[in-house]
Amino acid sequence: MIKGLHQLNIISDMAYIAVIASIMLSIVAWFTRREDNLDQAERLGVFFELWAPTLAILGRPLEDQKRTIQMQSD
């Protein structure tokens, strides 16, 4: 899976930026909620927040893959 992501030119920096975006989306979902729709806003915020650890976990193997490729080319 990581090799496939690397072939698509997805790098670890992209994963880490997506982590920050996920956290920010969660905060935005929380602060833009309406009184008549509190439950849905909370669920949406939690949904976005749950992406962050997954994306962070993907970032590390992408870094390792990049290092491996660089070492092979040296």
N, C-alpha and C. Protein backbone atom coordinates (compact mmCIF):
# COMPACT_ATOMS: atom_id res chain seq x y z
N MET A 1 0.82 -1.19 0.00
CA MET A 1 0.00 0.00 0.00
C MET A 1 0.87 1.26 0.00
N ILE A 2 1.92 1.25 0.81
CA ILE A 2 2.79 2.41 0.90
C ILE A 2 3.51 2.64 -0.43
N LYS A 3 3.95 1.55 -1.06
CA LYS A 3 4.61 1.69 -2.37
C LYS A 3 3.64 2.28 -3.39
N GLY A 4 2.39 1.87 -3.31
CA GLY A 4 1.38 2.41 -4.22
C GLY A 4 1.16 3.90 -4.00
N LEU A 5 1.12 4.31 -2.74
CA LEU A 5 0.98 5.74 -2.44
C LEU A 5 2.20 6.51 -2.94
N HIS A 6 3.37 5.91 -2.76
CA HIS A 6 4.58 6.57 -3.21
C HIS A 6 4.60 6.68 -4.74
N GLN A 7 4.11 5.68 -5.43
CA GLN A 7 4.04 5.74 -6.90
C GLN A 7 3.07 6.80 -7.37
N LEU A 8 2.09 7.11 -6.55
CA LEU A 8 1.15 8.19 -6.88
C LEU A 8 1.70 9.56 -6.49
N ASN A 9 2.98 9.59 -6.09
CA ASN A 9 3.66 10.81 -5.66
C ASN A 9 3.05 11.44 -4.42
N ILE A 10 2.52 10.62 -3.55
CA ILE A 10 2.03 11.09 -2.26
C ILE A 10 3.19 10.97 -1.28
N ILE A 11 3.59 12.10 -0.71
CA ILE A 11 4.74 12.10 0.19
C ILE A 11 4.28 12.31 1.62
N SER A 12 5.19 12.09 2.54
CA SER A 12 4.84 12.17 3.96
C SER A 12 4.37 13.57 4.35
N ASP A 13 4.93 14.60 3.73
CA ASP A 13 4.50 15.96 4.04
C ASP A 13 3.02 16.15 3.75
N MET A 14 2.55 15.52 2.69
CA MET A 14 1.12 15.60 2.35
C MET A 14 0.28 14.97 3.45
N ALA A 15 0.74 13.84 3.97
CA ALA A 15 0.00 13.17 5.03
C ALA A 15 -0.04 14.04 6.28
N TYR A 16 1.08 14.68 6.61
CA TYR A 16 1.11 15.52 7.81
C TYR A 16 0.28 16.79 7.64
N ILE A 17 0.26 17.33 6.44
CA ILE A 17 -0.61 18.48 6.17
C ILE A 17 -2.07 18.07 6.29
N ALA A 18 -2.39 16.88 5.82
CA ALA A 18 -3.76 16.37 5.94
C ALA A 18 -4.14 16.17 7.39
N VAL A 19 -3.19 15.81 8.25
CA VAL A 19 -3.47 15.69 9.68
C VAL A 19 -3.91 17.04 10.23
N ILE A 20 -3.16 18.07 9.91
CA ILE A 20 -3.51 19.42 10.38
C ILE A 20 -4.85 19.85 9.82
N ALA A 21 -5.10 19.56 8.55
CA ALA A 21 -6.38 19.91 7.93
C ALA A 21 -7.53 19.18 8.61
N SER A 22 -7.32 17.92 8.96
CA SER A 22 -8.36 17.15 9.63
C SER A 22 -8.71 17.76 10.99
N ILE A 23 -7.69 18.15 11.72
CA ILE A 23 -7.93 18.77 13.03
C ILE A 23 -8.66 20.09 12.85
N MET A 24 -8.24 20.87 11.86
CA MET A 24 -8.89 22.16 11.62
C MET A 24 -10.35 21.98 11.18
N LEU A 25 -10.61 20.99 10.33
CA LEU A 25 -12.00 20.72 9.91
C LEU A 25 -12.86 20.34 11.11
N SER A 26 -12.28 19.59 12.02
CA SER A 26 -13.00 19.21 13.23
C SER A 26 -13.37 20.43 14.05
N ILE A 27 -12.42 21.33 14.20
CA ILE A 27 -12.67 22.56 14.97
C ILE A 27 -13.71 23.42 14.27
N VAL A 28 -13.59 23.56 12.96
CA VAL A 28 -14.56 24.36 12.20
C VAL A 28 -15.96 23.76 12.31
N ALA A 29 -16.06 22.44 12.21
CA ALA A 29 -17.37 21.78 12.34
C ALA A 29 -17.97 22.05 13.71
N TRP A 30 -17.15 22.09 14.72
CA TRP A 30 -17.65 22.33 16.07
C TRP A 30 -18.12 23.77 16.24
N PHE A 31 -17.33 24.73 15.77
CA PHE A 31 -17.67 26.13 16.00
C PHE A 31 -18.74 26.67 15.06
N THR A 32 -19.01 26.00 13.96
CA THR A 32 -20.04 26.48 13.03
C THR A 32 -21.35 25.74 13.20
N ARG A 33 -21.49 25.02 14.29
CA ARG A 33 -22.73 24.27 14.51
C ARG A 33 -23.90 25.22 14.78
N ARG A 34 -25.07 24.71 14.51
CA ARG A 34 -26.28 25.47 14.78
C ARG A 34 -27.02 24.81 15.94
N GLU A 35 -27.78 25.58 16.62
CA GLU A 35 -28.50 25.07 17.80
C GLU A 35 -29.46 23.93 17.45
N ASP A 36 -30.04 23.96 16.26
CA ASP A 36 -30.99 22.93 15.89
C ASP A 36 -30.31 21.66 15.37
N ASN A 37 -28.98 21.66 15.27
CA ASN A 37 -28.28 20.54 14.68
C ASN A 37 -27.01 20.17 15.45
N LEU A 38 -27.05 20.23 16.77
CA LEU A 38 -25.87 20.00 17.59
C LEU A 38 -25.31 18.58 17.45
N ASP A 39 -26.19 17.60 17.45
CA ASP A 39 -25.72 16.21 17.39
C ASP A 39 -24.96 15.92 16.10
N GLN A 40 -25.48 16.39 14.99
CA GLN A 40 -24.81 16.14 13.72
C GLN A 40 -23.46 16.85 13.67
N ALA A 41 -23.36 18.05 14.20
CA ALA A 41 -22.09 18.79 14.21
C ALA A 41 -21.05 18.05 15.05
N GLU A 42 -21.48 17.51 16.18
CA GLU A 42 -20.55 16.75 17.03
C GLU A 42 -20.05 15.50 16.31
N ARG A 43 -20.95 14.78 15.66
CA ARG A 43 -20.55 13.58 14.92
C ARG A 43 -19.61 13.92 13.77
N LEU A 44 -19.89 15.00 13.07
CA LEU A 44 -19.04 15.42 11.97
C LEU A 44 -17.66 15.81 12.49
N GLY A 45 -17.60 16.52 13.60
CA GLY A 45 -16.32 16.89 14.20
C GLY A 45 -15.51 15.68 14.61
N VAL A 46 -16.16 14.70 15.21
CA VAL A 46 -15.47 13.47 15.61
C VAL A 46 -15.01 12.71 14.37
N PHE A 47 -15.83 12.68 13.34
CA PHE A 47 -15.47 11.99 12.10
C PHE A 47 -14.18 12.57 11.50
N PHE A 48 -14.12 13.90 11.41
CA PHE A 48 -12.92 14.54 10.88
C PHE A 48 -11.72 14.29 11.79
N GLU A 49 -11.93 14.33 13.07
CA GLU A 49 -10.84 14.15 14.02
C GLU A 49 -10.28 12.73 13.97
N LEU A 50 -11.10 11.76 13.65
CA LEU A 50 -10.62 10.38 13.57
C LEU A 50 -9.70 10.14 12.38
N TRP A 51 -9.70 11.02 11.41
CA TRP A 51 -8.78 10.88 10.28
C TRP A 51 -7.35 11.16 10.70
N ALA A 52 -7.16 12.08 11.64
CA ALA A 52 -5.82 12.56 12.01
C ALA A 52 -4.85 11.43 12.39
N PRO A 53 -5.21 10.52 13.29
CA PRO A 53 -4.25 9.47 13.64
C PRO A 53 -3.93 8.55 12.46
N THR A 54 -4.92 8.25 11.66
CA THR A 54 -4.70 7.37 10.51
C THR A 54 -3.73 8.02 9.52
N LEU A 55 -3.92 9.29 9.26
CA LEU A 55 -3.04 10.00 8.33
C LEU A 55 -1.63 10.13 8.90
N ALA A 56 -1.54 10.35 10.20
CA ALA A 56 -0.22 10.44 10.84
C ALA A 56 0.50 9.10 10.78
N ILE A 57 -0.24 8.03 10.97
CA ILE A 57 0.35 6.69 10.89
C ILE A 57 0.85 6.42 9.47
N LEU A 58 0.17 6.91 8.46
CA LEU A 58 0.62 6.73 7.07
C LEU A 58 1.85 7.57 6.75
N GLY A 59 2.01 8.68 7.44
CA GLY A 59 3.14 9.56 7.16
C GLY A 59 4.48 8.92 7.43
N ARG A 60 4.59 8.20 8.51
CA ARG A 60 5.87 7.60 8.89
C ARG A 60 6.37 6.57 7.86
N PRO A 61 5.56 5.61 7.43
CA PRO A 61 6.05 4.68 6.41
C PRO A 61 6.38 5.37 5.08
N LEU A 62 5.68 6.44 4.77
CA LEU A 62 6.01 7.18 3.56
C LEU A 62 7.39 7.82 3.68
N GLU A 63 7.72 8.32 4.88
CA GLU A 63 9.07 8.84 5.11
C GLU A 63 10.11 7.74 4.95
N ASP A 64 9.82 6.58 5.54
CA ASP A 64 10.76 5.46 5.44
C ASP A 64 10.95 5.01 3.99
N GLN A 65 9.87 4.98 3.23
CA GLN A 65 9.94 4.59 1.82
C GLN A 65 10.82 5.57 1.04
N LYS A 66 10.67 6.85 1.31
CA LYS A 66 11.48 7.86 0.64
C LYS A 66 12.96 7.67 0.99
N ARG A 67 13.25 7.42 2.26
CA ARG A 67 14.64 7.20 2.69
C ARG A 67 15.23 5.96 2.02
N THR A 68 14.44 4.91 1.93
CA THR A 68 14.91 3.67 1.30
C THR A 68 15.26 3.90 -0.16
N ILE A 69 14.42 4.61 -0.85
CA ILE A 69 14.66 4.90 -2.27
C ILE A 69 15.90 5.79 -2.42
N GLN A 70 16.06 6.75 -1.54
CA GLN A 70 17.23 7.62 -1.61
C GLN A 70 18.52 6.83 -1.34
N MET A 71 18.48 5.89 -0.39
CA MET A 71 19.65 5.10 -0.07
C MET A 71 20.01 4.18 -1.23
N GLN A 72 19.01 3.66 -1.93
CA GLN A 72 19.27 2.77 -3.06
C GLN A 72 19.87 3.53 -4.24
N SER A 73 19.48 4.81 -4.39
CA SER A 73 19.99 5.59 -5.51
C SER A 73 21.40 6.13 -5.25
N ASP A 74 21.80 6.15 -3.98
CA ASP A 74 23.16 6.65 -3.65
C ASP A 74 24.21 5.66 -3.91
